[in-house]
PDB file of N, CA and C in Angstrom:
ATOM      1  N   MET A   1     210.737 210.430  64.760  1.00  0.00           N
ATOM      2  CA  MET A   1     211.529 210.922  63.585  1.00  0.00           C
ATOM      3  C   MET A   1     212.346 209.438  63.460  1.00  0.00           C
ATOM      4  N   ASP A   2     212.510 209.968  62.215  1.00  0.00           N
ATOM      5  CA  ASP A   2     213.393 208.595  61.571  1.00  0.00           C
ATOM      6  C   ASP A   2     214.426 208.902  61.483  1.00  0.00           C
ATOM      7  N   ALA A   3     215.886 208.079  60.587  1.00  0.00           N
ATOM      8  CA  ALA A   3     217.186 208.188  60.700  1.00  0.00           C
ATOM      9  C   ALA A   3     217.613 209.594  59.972  1.00  0.00           C
ATOM     10  N   ASP A   4     216.576 210.053  58.935  1.00  0.00           N
ATOM     11  CA  ASP A   4     217.002 211.103  58.018  1.00  0.00           C
ATOM     12  C   ASP A   4     216.189 212.363  58.336  1.00  0.00           C
ATOM     13  N   GLY A   5     215.788 212.174  59.979  1.00  0.00           N
ATOM     14  CA  GLY A   5     215.355 213.400  60.449  1.00  0.00           C
ATOM     15  C   GLY A   5     214.138 213.678  60.278  1.00  0.00           C
ATOM     16  N   ARG A   6     213.185 213.075  58.942  1.00  0.00           N
ATOM     17  CA  ARG A   6     211.919 213.377  59.032  1.00  0.00           C
ATOM     18  C   ARG A   6     210.660 213.008  60.359  1.00  0.00           C
ATOM     19  N   TYR A   7     210.041 213.538  60.278  1.00  0.00           N
ATOM     20  CA  TYR A   7     208.895 213.531  61.341  1.00  0.00           C
ATOM     21  C   TYR A   7     207.666 212.607  60.532  1.00  0.00           C
ATOM     22  N   ARG A   8     206.954 212.145  61.729  1.00  0.00           N
ATOM     23  CA  ARG A   8     206.047 211.220  61.016  1.00  0.00           C
ATOM     24  C   ARG A   8     205.222 211.034  61.918  1.00  0.00           C
ATOM     25  N   VAL A   9     203.364 211.256  61.715  1.00  0.00           N
ATOM     26  CA  VAL A   9     202.463 211.252  62.520  1.00  0.00           C
ATOM     27  C   VAL A   9     201.602 209.822  62.496  1.00  0.00           C
ATOM     28  N   VAL A  10     202.005 209.251  64.033  1.00  0.00           N
ATOM     29  CA  VAL A  10     201.370 208.185  64.108  1.00  0.00           C
ATOM     30  C   VAL A  10     200.522 208.297  65.599  1.00  0.00           C
ATOM     31  N   GLY A  11     199.570 207.401  65.411  1.00  0.00           N
ATOM     32  CA  GLY A  11     198.381 207.052  66.457  1.00  0.00           C
ATOM     33  C   GLY A  11     198.619 205.741  66.909  1.00  0.00           C
ATOM     34  N   ARG A  12     197.936 205.460  67.731  1.00  0.00           N
ATOM     35  CA  ARG A  12     197.383 204.429  68.657  1.00  0.00           C
ATOM     36  C   ARG A  12     196.910 203.494  67.792  1.00  0.00           C
ATOM     37  N   THR A  13     197.123 201.786  67.966  1.00  0.00           N
ATOM     38  CA  THR A  13     196.610 200.794  67.313  1.00  0.00           C
ATOM     39  C   THR A  13     194.880 200.572  68.058  1.00  0.00           C
ATOM     40  N   SER A  14     194.379 200.533  67.168  1.00  0.00           N
ATOM     41  CA  SER A  14     192.880 200.495  67.479  1.00  0.00           C
ATOM     42  C   SER A  14     192.813 198.655  67.960  1.00  0.00           C
ATOM     43  N   VAL A  15     192.171 198.621  69.196  1.00  0.00           N
ATOM     44  CA  VAL A  15     192.259 197.290  69.668  1.00  0.00           C
ATOM     45  C   VAL A  15     190.644 196.795  69.261  1.00  0.00           C
ATOM     46  N   ASP A  16     189.909 197.954  69.623  1.00  0.00           N
ATOM     47  CA  ASP A  16     188.291 197.634  69.297  1.00  0.00           C
ATOM     48  C   ASP A  16     187.553 197.914  68.017  1.00  0.00           C
ATOM     49  N   LEU A  17     188.594 197.684  67.071  1.00  0.00           N
ATOM     50  CA  LEU A  17     188.015 197.649  65.750  1.00  0.00           C
ATOM     51  C   LEU A  17     188.726 196.633  65.347  1.00  0.00           C
ATOM     52  N   ILE A  18     188.611 195.667  64.778  1.00  0.00           N
ATOM     53  CA  ILE A  18     189.051 194.370  63.657  1.00  0.00           C
ATOM     54  C   ILE A  18     188.498 194.461  62.692  1.00  0.00           C
ATOM     55  N   LYS A  19     189.519 194.341  61.660  1.00  0.00           N
ATOM     56  CA  LYS A  19     189.393 194.623  60.054  1.00  0.00           C
ATOM     57  C   LYS A  19     189.856 192.920  60.033  1.00  0.00           C
ATOM     58  N   SER A  20     189.066 192.130  59.487  1.00  0.00           N
ATOM     59  CA  SER A  20     188.777 190.709  59.084  1.00  0.00           C
ATOM     60  C   SER A  20     187.813 190.794  57.808  1.00  0.00           C
ATOM     61  N   GLY A  21     188.813 189.631  57.242  1.00  0.00           N
ATOM     62  CA  GLY A  21     188.464 189.421  55.571  1.00  0.00           C
ATOM     63  C   GLY A  21     187.419 190.911  55.097  1.00  0.00           C
ATOM     64  N   GLY A  22     188.012 191.821  55.059  1.00  0.00           N
ATOM     65  CA  GLY A  22     187.034 193.162  53.999  1.00  0.00           C
ATOM     66  C   GLY A  22     185.960 193.841  55.255  1.00  0.00           C
ATOM     67  N   TYR A  23     185.993 193.315  56.544  1.00  0.00           N
ATOM     68  CA  TYR A  23     184.991 193.695  57.329  1.00  0.00           C
ATOM     69  C   TYR A  23     185.426 194.015  58.395  1.00  0.00           C
ATOM     70  N   ARG A  24     184.856 195.832  58.741  1.00  0.00           N
ATOM     71  CA  ARG A  24     185.134 196.283  60.019  1.00  0.00           C
ATOM     72  C   ARG A  24     184.417 195.949  61.229  1.00  0.00           C
ATOM     73  N   ILE A  25     184.770 195.061  62.134  1.00  0.00           N
ATOM     74  CA  ILE A  25     183.944 194.627  63.000  1.00  0.00           C
ATOM     75  C   ILE A  25     184.352 195.055  64.584  1.00  0.00           C
ATOM     76  N   GLY A  26     183.267 195.671  65.328  1.00  0.00           N
ATOM     77  CA  GLY A  26     183.475 195.880  66.646  1.00  0.00           C
ATOM     78  C   GLY A  26     183.604 195.118  67.467  1.00  0.00           C
ATOM     79  N   ALA A  27     184.584 195.177  68.179  1.00  0.00           N
ATOM     80  CA  ALA A  27     185.043 194.007  69.226  1.00  0.00           C
ATOM     81  C   ALA A  27     183.827 194.184  70.491  1.00  0.00           C
ATOM     82  N   GLY A  28     183.223 195.586  70.666  1.00  0.00           N
ATOM     83  CA  GLY A  28     182.014 195.521  71.952  1.00  0.00           C
ATOM     84  C   GLY A  28     180.766 194.335  71.462  1.00  0.00           C
ATOM     85  N   GLU A  29     180.403 194.510  70.433  1.00  0.00           N
ATOM     86  CA  GLU A  29     179.669 193.703  69.852  1.00  0.00           C
ATOM     87  C   GLU A  29     179.714 192.173  69.729  1.00  0.00           C
ATOM     88  N   VAL A  30     180.829 191.774  69.748  1.00  0.00           N
ATOM     89  CA  VAL A  30     181.340 190.340  69.547  1.00  0.00           C
ATOM     90  C   VAL A  30     181.352 189.949  70.963  1.00  0.00           C
ATOM     91  N   GLU A  31     181.963 190.791  72.113  1.00  0.00           N
ATOM     92  CA  GLU A  31     181.902 190.832  73.730  1.00  0.00           C
ATOM     93  C   GLU A  31     180.721 190.314  74.165  1.00  0.00           C
ATOM     94  N   ALA A  32     179.660 191.197  73.714  1.00  0.00           N
ATOM     95  CA  ALA A  32     178.375 190.995  74.372  1.00  0.00           C
ATOM     96  C   ALA A  32     177.573 189.791  74.034  1.00  0.00           C
ATOM     97  N   ALA A  33     177.672 189.451  72.935  1.00  0.00           N
ATOM     98  CA  ALA A  33     177.290 188.153  72.011  1.00  0.00           C
ATOM     99  C   ALA A  33     177.718 186.812  73.043  1.00  0.00           C
ATOM    100  N   LEU A  34     179.013 186.974  73.648  1.00  0.00           N
ATOM    101  CA  LEU A  34     179.725 186.014  74.238  1.00  0.00           C
ATOM    102  C   LEU A  34     179.273 186.468  75.749  1.00  0.00           C
ATOM    103  N   LEU A  35     178.900 187.276  76.337  1.00  0.00           N
ATOM    104  CA  LEU A  35     178.789 187.754  77.644  1.00  0.00           C
ATOM    105  C   LEU A  35     177.413 186.961  77.967  1.00  0.00           C
ATOM    106  N   ASP A  36     176.532 186.832  76.690  1.00  0.00           N
ATOM    107  CA  ASP A  36     175.275 186.305  77.005  1.00  0.00           C
ATOM    108  C   ASP A  36     175.315 184.910  77.090  1.00  0.00           C
ATOM    109  N   HIS A  37     176.402 184.560  77.106  1.00  0.00           N
ATOM    110  CA  HIS A  37     176.575 182.709  77.364  1.00  0.00           C
ATOM    111  C   HIS A  37     176.568 182.417  78.563  1.00  0.00           C
ATOM    112  N   PRO A  38     175.956 181.710  79.730  1.00  0.00           N
ATOM    113  CA  PRO A  38     175.915 181.859  80.607  1.00  0.00           C
ATOM    114  C   PRO A  38     177.005 181.119  81.148  1.00  0.00           C
ATOM    115  N   ALA A  39     178.151 180.259  80.872  1.00  0.00           N
ATOM    116  CA  ALA A  39     179.321 180.008  81.417  1.00  0.00           C
ATOM    117  C   ALA A  39     180.603 181.246  81.317  1.00  0.00           C
ATOM    118  N   VAL A  40     180.232 182.244  80.789  1.00  0.00           N
ATOM    119  CA  VAL A  40     181.096 183.120  80.493  1.00  0.00           C
ATOM    120  C   VAL A  40     180.797 184.536  81.390  1.00  0.00           C
ATOM    121  N   ARG A  41     182.035 184.794  82.141  1.00  0.00           N
ATOM    122  CA  ARG A  41     181.884 185.720  83.137  1.00  0.00           C
ATOM    123  C   ARG A  41     182.312 186.758  82.773  1.00  0.00           C
ATOM    124  N   GLU A  42     183.376 186.774  82.328  1.00  0.00           N
ATOM    125  CA  GLU A  42     184.334 187.839  81.170  1.00  0.00           C
ATOM    126  C   GLU A  42     184.766 187.915  79.861  1.00  0.00           C
ATOM    127  N   ALA A  43     184.359 188.693  79.261  1.00  0.00           N
ATOM    128  CA  ALA A  43     185.207 188.354  77.676  1.00  0.00           C
ATOM    129  C   ALA A  43     185.729 189.453  77.172  1.00  0.00           C
ATOM    130  N   ALA A  44     187.026 189.378  76.424  1.00  0.00           N
ATOM    131  CA  ALA A  44     187.364 190.172  75.572  1.00  0.00           C
ATOM    132  C   ALA A  44     188.077 189.768  74.326  1.00  0.00           C
ATOM    133  N   VAL A  45     187.683 190.548  73.710  1.00  0.00           N
ATOM    134  CA  VAL A  45     187.754 189.846  71.798  1.00  0.00           C
ATOM    135  C   VAL A  45     189.224 190.776  71.042  1.00  0.00           C
ATOM    136  N   VAL A  46     189.913 190.594  70.491  1.00  0.00           N
ATOM    137  CA  VAL A  46     190.916 190.909  69.783  1.00  0.00           C
ATOM    138  C   VAL A  46     191.024 190.605  68.569  1.00  0.00           C
ATOM    139  N   GLY A  47     192.057 191.165  67.321  1.00  0.00           N
ATOM    140  CA  GLY A  47     192.409 190.393  66.203  1.00  0.00           C
ATOM    141  C   GLY A  47     193.670 190.315  66.302  1.00  0.00           C
ATOM    142  N   GLU A  48     193.901 189.251  65.532  1.00  0.00           N
ATOM    143  CA  GLU A  48     195.511 188.545  65.592  1.00  0.00           C
ATOM    144  C   GLU A  48     195.502 188.535  63.999  1.00  0.00           C
ATOM    145  N   PRO A  49     196.647 188.621  63.874  1.00  0.00           N
ATOM    146  CA  PRO A  49     197.243 188.520  62.584  1.00  0.00           C
ATOM    147  C   PRO A  49     196.923 187.049  61.652  1.00  0.00           C
ATOM    148  N   ASP A  50     196.213 187.512  60.433  1.00  0.00           N
ATOM    149  CA  ASP A  50     195.850 186.206  59.962  1.00  0.00           C
ATOM    150  C   ASP A  50     196.449 186.581  58.426  1.00  0.00           C
ATOM    151  N   ASP A  51     197.124 185.393  57.667  1.00  0.00           N
ATOM    152  CA  ASP A  51     197.629 185.644  56.595  1.00  0.00           C
ATOM    153  C   ASP A  51     196.142 185.687  55.630  1.00  0.00           C
ATOM    154  N   ASP A  52     195.139 185.302  55.802  1.00  0.00           N
ATOM    155  CA  ASP A  52     194.361 184.777  54.847  1.00  0.00           C
ATOM    156  C   ASP A  52     193.316 186.441  54.839  1.00  0.00           C
ATOM    157  N   LEU A  53     192.656 186.551  56.300  1.00  0.00           N
ATOM    158  CA  LEU A  53     191.854 187.637  56.727  1.00  0.00           C
ATOM    159  C   LEU A  53     192.199 188.781  56.842  1.00  0.00           C
ATOM    160  N   GLY A  54     193.398 189.002  57.312  1.00  0.00           N
ATOM    161  CA  GLY A  54     194.287 190.225  57.871  1.00  0.00           C
ATOM    162  C   GLY A  54     194.080 190.042  59.233  1.00  0.00           C
ATOM    163  N   GLN A  55     192.906 189.890  59.861  1.00  0.00           N
ATOM    164  CA  GLN A  55     192.773 189.715  61.185  1.00  0.00           C
ATOM    165  C   GLN A  55     191.954 188.809  61.627  1.00  0.00           C
ATOM    166  N   ARG A  56     192.143 187.735  62.473  1.00  0.00           N
ATOM    167  CA  ARG A  56     191.093 186.884  62.949  1.00  0.00           C
ATOM    168  C   ARG A  56     190.446 187.115  63.905  1.00  0.00           C
ATOM    169  N   ILE A  57     189.371 186.919  64.226  1.00  0.00           N
ATOM    170  CA  ILE A  57     188.753 187.135  65.774  1.00  0.00           C
ATOM    171  C   ILE A  57     189.029 186.333  66.907  1.00  0.00           C
ATOM    172  N   VAL A  58     190.003 186.391  67.957  1.00  0.00           N
ATOM    173  CA  VAL A  58     190.192 185.625  69.332  1.00  0.00           C
ATOM    174  C   VAL A  58     189.540 185.900  70.433  1.00  0.00           C
ATOM    175  N   ALA A  59     188.471 185.086  71.040  1.00  0.00           N
ATOM    176  CA  ALA A  59     188.274 185.513  72.172  1.00  0.00           C
ATOM    177  C   ALA A  59     188.935 185.203  73.982  1.00  0.00           C
ATOM    178  N   TYR A  60     188.956 185.881  74.100  1.00  0.00           N
ATOM    179  CA  TYR A  60     189.774 185.544  75.670  1.00  0.00           C
ATOM    180  C   TYR A  60     188.531 185.664  76.514  1.00  0.00           C
ATOM    181  N   LEU A  61     188.184 184.404  77.407  1.00  0.00           N
ATOM    182  CA  LEU A  61     187.187 184.413  78.293  1.00  0.00           C
ATOM    183  C   LEU A  61     187.608 183.816  79.587  1.00  0.00           C
ATOM    184  N   VAL A  62     186.671 184.117  80.804  1.00  0.00           N
ATOM    185  CA  VAL A  62     186.898 184.121  82.022  1.00  0.00           C
ATOM    186  C   VAL A  62     185.574 183.240  82.490  1.00  0.00           C
ATOM    187  N   GLY A  63     185.277 182.094  83.023  1.00  0.00           N
ATOM    188  CA  GLY A  63     184.008 181.465  83.463  1.00  0.00           C
ATOM    189  C   GLY A  63     184.429 180.157  83.868  1.00  0.00           C
ATOM    190  N   GLU A  64     183.384 179.146  84.065  1.00  0.00           N
ATOM    191  CA  GLU A  64     183.648 177.597  84.610  1.00  0.00           C
ATOM    192  C   GLU A  64     183.042 177.191  83.783  1.00  0.00           C
ATOM    193  N   GLY A  65     183.413 175.610  83.188  1.00  0.00           N
ATOM    194  CA  GLY A  65     182.855 175.106  82.116  1.00  0.00           C
ATOM    195  C   GLY A  65     182.983 175.533  80.612  1.00  0.00           C
ATOM    196  N   ILE A  66     183.843 176.360  80.486  1.00  0.00           N
ATOM    197  CA  ILE A  66     183.387 176.777  78.891  1.00  0.00           C
ATOM    198  C   ILE A  66     183.759 176.105  77.799  1.00  0.00           C
ATOM    199  N   ASP A  67     183.305 175.727  77.191  1.00  0.00           N
ATOM    200  CA  ASP A  67     183.605 174.513  75.569  1.00  0.00           C
ATOM    201  C   ASP A  67     183.934 175.793  74.788  1.00  0.00           C
ATOM    202  N   GLU A  68     184.833 175.483  73.853  1.00  0.00           N
ATOM    203  CA  GLU A  68     185.138 176.444  72.867  1.00  0.00           C
ATOM    204  C   GLU A  68     183.714 176.250  71.952  1.00  0.00           C
ATOM    205  N   GLN A  69     183.998 174.871  71.241  1.00  0.00           N
ATOM    206  CA  GLN A  69     182.958 174.838  70.369  1.00  0.00           C
ATOM    207  C   GLN A  69     181.246 175.518  70.944  1.00  0.00           C
ATOM    208  N   ASP A  70     181.321 174.675  72.065  1.00  0.00           N
ATOM    209  CA  ASP A  70     179.702 175.130  72.417  1.00  0.00           C
ATOM    210  C   ASP A  70     179.671 176.845  72.452  1.00  0.00           C
ATOM    211  N   VAL A  71     180.542 177.658  73.130  1.00  0.00           N
ATOM    212  CA  VAL A  71     180.401 179.117  72.947  1.00  0.00           C
ATOM    213  C   VAL A  71     180.414 179.873  71.226  1.00  0.00           C
ATOM    214  N   ILE A  72     181.409 179.034  70.540  1.00  0.00           N
ATOM    215  CA  ILE A  72     181.218 179.669  69.203  1.00  0.00           C
ATOM    216  C   ILE A  72     180.013 179.367  68.442  1.00  0.00           C
ATOM    217  N   GLY A  73     179.377 177.556  68.516  1.00  0.00           N
ATOM    218  CA  GLY A  73     177.809 177.627  68.221  1.00  0.00           C
ATOM    219  C   GLY A  73     177.024 178.713  68.855  1.00  0.00           C
ATOM    220  N   PHE A  74     176.978 178.665  70.209  1.00  0.00           N
ATOM    221  CA  PHE A  74     175.933 179.852  70.932  1.00  0.00           C
ATOM    222  C   PHE A  74     176.006 181.268  70.291  1.00  0.00           C
ATOM    223  N   VAL A  75     177.067 181.532  69.966  1.00  0.00           N
ATOM    224  CA  VAL A  75     176.971 183.132  69.399  1.00  0.00           C
ATOM    225  C   VAL A  75     176.912 183.087  67.823  1.00  0.00           C
ATOM    226  N   ALA A  76     176.852 181.860  67.057  1.00  0.00           N
ATOM    227  CA  ALA A  76     176.395 181.914  65.893  1.00  0.00           C
ATOM    228  C   ALA A  76     175.032 182.306  65.379  1.00  0.00           C
ATOM    229  N   GLY A  77     174.073 182.086  66.481  1.00  0.00           N
ATOM    230  CA  GLY A  77     172.909 182.508  66.229  1.00  0.00           C
ATOM    231  C   GLY A  77     172.462 184.089  66.374  1.00  0.00           C
ATOM    232  N   ARG A  78     173.541 184.650  67.038  1.00  0.00           N
ATOM    233  CA  ARG A  78     173.566 185.882  67.307  1.00  0.00           C
ATOM    234  C   ARG A  78     174.723 187.048  66.402  1.00  0.00           C
ATOM    235  N   LEU A  79     175.405 186.170  65.888  1.00  0.00           N
ATOM    236  CA  LEU A  79     176.466 187.016  64.705  1.00  0.00           C
ATOM    237  C   LEU A  79     176.516 186.478  63.321  1.00  0.00           C
ATOM    238  N   SER A  80     176.565 187.478  62.476  1.00  0.00           N
ATOM    239  CA  SER A  80     177.224 186.997  61.219  1.00  0.00           C
ATOM    240  C   SER A  80     178.467 186.062  61.749  1.00  0.00           C
ATOM    241  N   VAL A  81     178.380 185.498  60.204  1.00  0.00           N
ATOM    242  CA  VAL A  81     179.866 184.536  60.191  1.00  0.00           C
ATOM    243  C   VAL A  81     180.756 185.271  60.158  1.00  0.00           C
ATOM    244  N   HIS A  82     181.214 186.764  59.804  1.00  0.00           N
ATOM    245  CA  HIS A  82     182.609 186.863  59.879  1.00  0.00           C
ATOM    246  C   HIS A  82     182.462 187.893  61.142  1.00  0.00           C
ATOM    247  N   LYS A  83     181.760 187.614  61.879  1.00  0.00           N
ATOM    248  CA  LYS A  83     182.080 188.423  62.973  1.00  0.00           C
ATOM    249  C   LYS A  83     182.046 187.009  64.345  1.00  0.00           C
ATOM    250  N   ARG A  84     182.088 185.973  63.720  1.00  0.00           N
ATOM    251  CA  ARG A  84     182.633 185.183  64.880  1.00  0.00           C
ATOM    252  C   ARG A  84     183.743 184.514  65.386  1.00  0.00           C
ATOM    253  N   PRO A  85     183.913 184.281  66.726  1.00  0.00           N
ATOM    254  CA  PRO A  85     185.516 184.200  66.837  1.00  0.00           C
ATOM    255  C   PRO A  85     185.998 182.943  66.599  1.00  0.00           C
ATOM    256  N   ARG A  86     187.037 183.186  65.624  1.00  0.00           N
ATOM    257  CA  ARG A  86     187.993 182.257  65.050  1.00  0.00           C
ATOM    258  C   ARG A  86     188.778 181.145  66.033  1.00  0.00           C
ATOM    259  N   GLN A  87     188.928 181.622  67.167  1.00  0.00           N
ATOM    260  CA  GLN A  87     189.334 180.828  68.147  1.00  0.00           C
ATOM    261  C   GLN A  87     188.973 181.382  69.834  1.00  0.00           C
ATOM    262  N   VAL A  88     188.923 180.682  70.630  1.00  0.00           N
ATOM    263  CA  VAL A  88     188.557 180.716  72.217  1.00  0.00           C
ATOM    264  C   VAL A  88     189.662 180.255  73.013  1.00  0.00           C
ATOM    265  N   ARG A  89     189.735 181.523  73.680  1.00  0.00           N
ATOM    266  CA  ARG A  89     190.978 180.742  74.678  1.00  0.00           C
ATOM    267  C   ARG A  89     190.463 181.593  76.033  1.00  0.00           C
ATOM    268  N   VAL A  90     190.624 180.178  76.988  1.00  0.00           N
ATOM    269  CA  VAL A  90     189.842 180.354  78.380  1.00  0.00           C
ATOM    270  C   VAL A  90     191.123 180.874  79.301  1.00  0.00           C
ATOM    271  N   VAL A  91     191.029 182.125  79.999  1.00  0.00           N
ATOM    272  CA  VAL A  91     191.958 182.370  81.145  1.00  0.00           C
ATOM    273  C   VAL A  91     191.184 182.356  82.787  1.00  0.00           C
ATOM    274  N   GLY A  92     192.484 182.450  83.278  1.00  0.00           N
ATOM    275  CA  GLY A  92     191.557 182.664  84.715  1.00  0.00           C
ATOM    276  C   GLY A  92     191.947 183.997  85.091  1.00  0.00           C
ATOM    277  N   ALA A  93     192.226 185.047  84.211  1.00  0.00           N
ATOM    278  CA  ALA A  93     191.845 186.778  84.346  1.00  0.00           C
ATOM    279  C   ALA A  93     191.896 187.569  83.571  1.00  0.00           C
ATOM    280  N   LEU A  94     191.477 188.367  83.028  1.00  0.00           N
ATOM    281  CA  LEU A  94     191.960 189.333  81.929  1.00  0.00           C
ATOM    282  C   LEU A  94     192.811 190.364  82.644  1.00  0.00           C
ATOM    283  N   PRO A  95     193.865 190.586  82.121  1.00  0.00           N
ATOM    284  CA  PRO A  95     194.456 191.797  82.668  1.00  0.00           C
ATOM    285  C   PRO A  95     193.759 193.116  82.604  1.00  0.00           C
ATOM    286  N   ARG A  96     194.298 193.717  83.676  1.00  0.00           N
ATOM    287  CA  ARG A  96     193.440 194.810  83.744  1.00  0.00           C
ATOM    288  C   ARG A  96     194.698 196.268  84.370  1.00  0.00           C
ATOM    289  N   ASN A  97     194.250 197.688  84.087  1.00  0.00           N
ATOM    290  CA  ASN A  97     195.376 198.697  84.313  1.00  0.00           C
ATOM    291  C   ASN A  97     194.602 198.831  85.726  1.00  0.00           C
ATOM    292  N   ALA A  98     195.208 200.056  86.226  1.00  0.00           N
ATOM    293  CA  ALA A  98     195.024 200.385  87.661  1.00  0.00           C
ATOM    294  C   ALA A  98     193.823 200.888  87.693  1.00  0.00           C
ATOM    295  N   MET A  99     192.996 201.385  86.576  1.00  0.00           N
ATOM    296  CA  MET A  99     191.559 201.859  86.633  1.00  0.00           C
ATOM    297  C   MET A  99     190.512 200.911  86.167  1.00  0.00           C
ATOM    298  N   GLY A 100     191.079 199.542  86.195  1.00  0.00           N
ATOM    299  CA  GLY A 100     190.160 198.083  85.865  1.00  0.00           C
ATOM    300  C   GLY A 100     189.657 198.041  84.470  1.00  0.00           C
ATOM    301  N   LYS A 101     190.480 198.684  83.589  1.00  0.00           N
ATOM    302  CA  LYS A 101     190.195 198.244  82.088  1.00  0.00           C
ATOM    303  C   LYS A 101     190.896 197.258  81.482  1.00  0.00           C
ATOM    304  N   VAL A 102     190.362 196.595  80.865  1.00  0.00           N
ATOM    305  CA  VAL A 102     190.957 195.139  80.195  1.00  0.00           C
ATOM    306  C   VAL A 102     192.030 195.764  78.973  1.00  0.00           C
ATOM    307  N   GLN A 103     193.558 195.435  79.480  1.00  0.00           N
ATOM    308  CA  GLN A 103     194.744 195.536  78.924  1.00  0.00           C
ATOM    309  C   GLN A 103     194.607 194.827  77.559  1.00  0.00           C
ATOM    310  N   LYS A 104     193.799 195.096  76.531  1.00  0.00           N
ATOM    311  CA  LYS A 104     193.775 194.266  75.229  1.00  0.00           C
ATOM    312  C   LYS A 104     195.114 193.897  74.765  1.00  0.00           C
ATOM    313  N   SER A 105     195.782 194.739  74.710  1.00  0.00           N
ATOM    314  CA  SER A 105     197.160 194.835  74.123  1.00  0.00           C
ATOM    315  C   SER A 105     198.358 193.780  74.658  1.00  0.00           C
ATOM    316  N   LEU A 106     197.700 193.563  75.687  1.00  0.00           N
ATOM    317  CA  LEU A 106     198.412 192.170  76.699  1.00  0.00           C
ATOM    318  C   LEU A 106     198.000 190.977  76.473  1.00  0.00           C
ATOM    319  N   LEU A 107     196.946 190.739  75.794  1.00  0.00           N
ATOM    320  CA  LEU A 107     196.450 189.502  75.324  1.00  0.00           C
ATOM    321  C   LEU A 107     197.075 188.800  74.080  1.00  0.00           C
TER     322      LEU A 107
END
């Protein structure tokens, strides 16, 4: 309810659908391509605000010996240009809820 007493129906923000450069990109497809890389044990992909693209794809990865450019080059043969991560962040662990689901809103 706003200050004037009007109600507005709102929903949750989707973290699994990224809108980048006019495309709708499913995070799951990008995550699957990243998980094919031998150094990547876990992957989570989110859209972060970008002035030009609307959202840019950022990958959070867990693994050993991950090199950002190597991973981006690896998925280049599997994904269209607009689906490739613009940035890779290596983390020790992905935040999870009590059920074990990745909490992408915390990334």
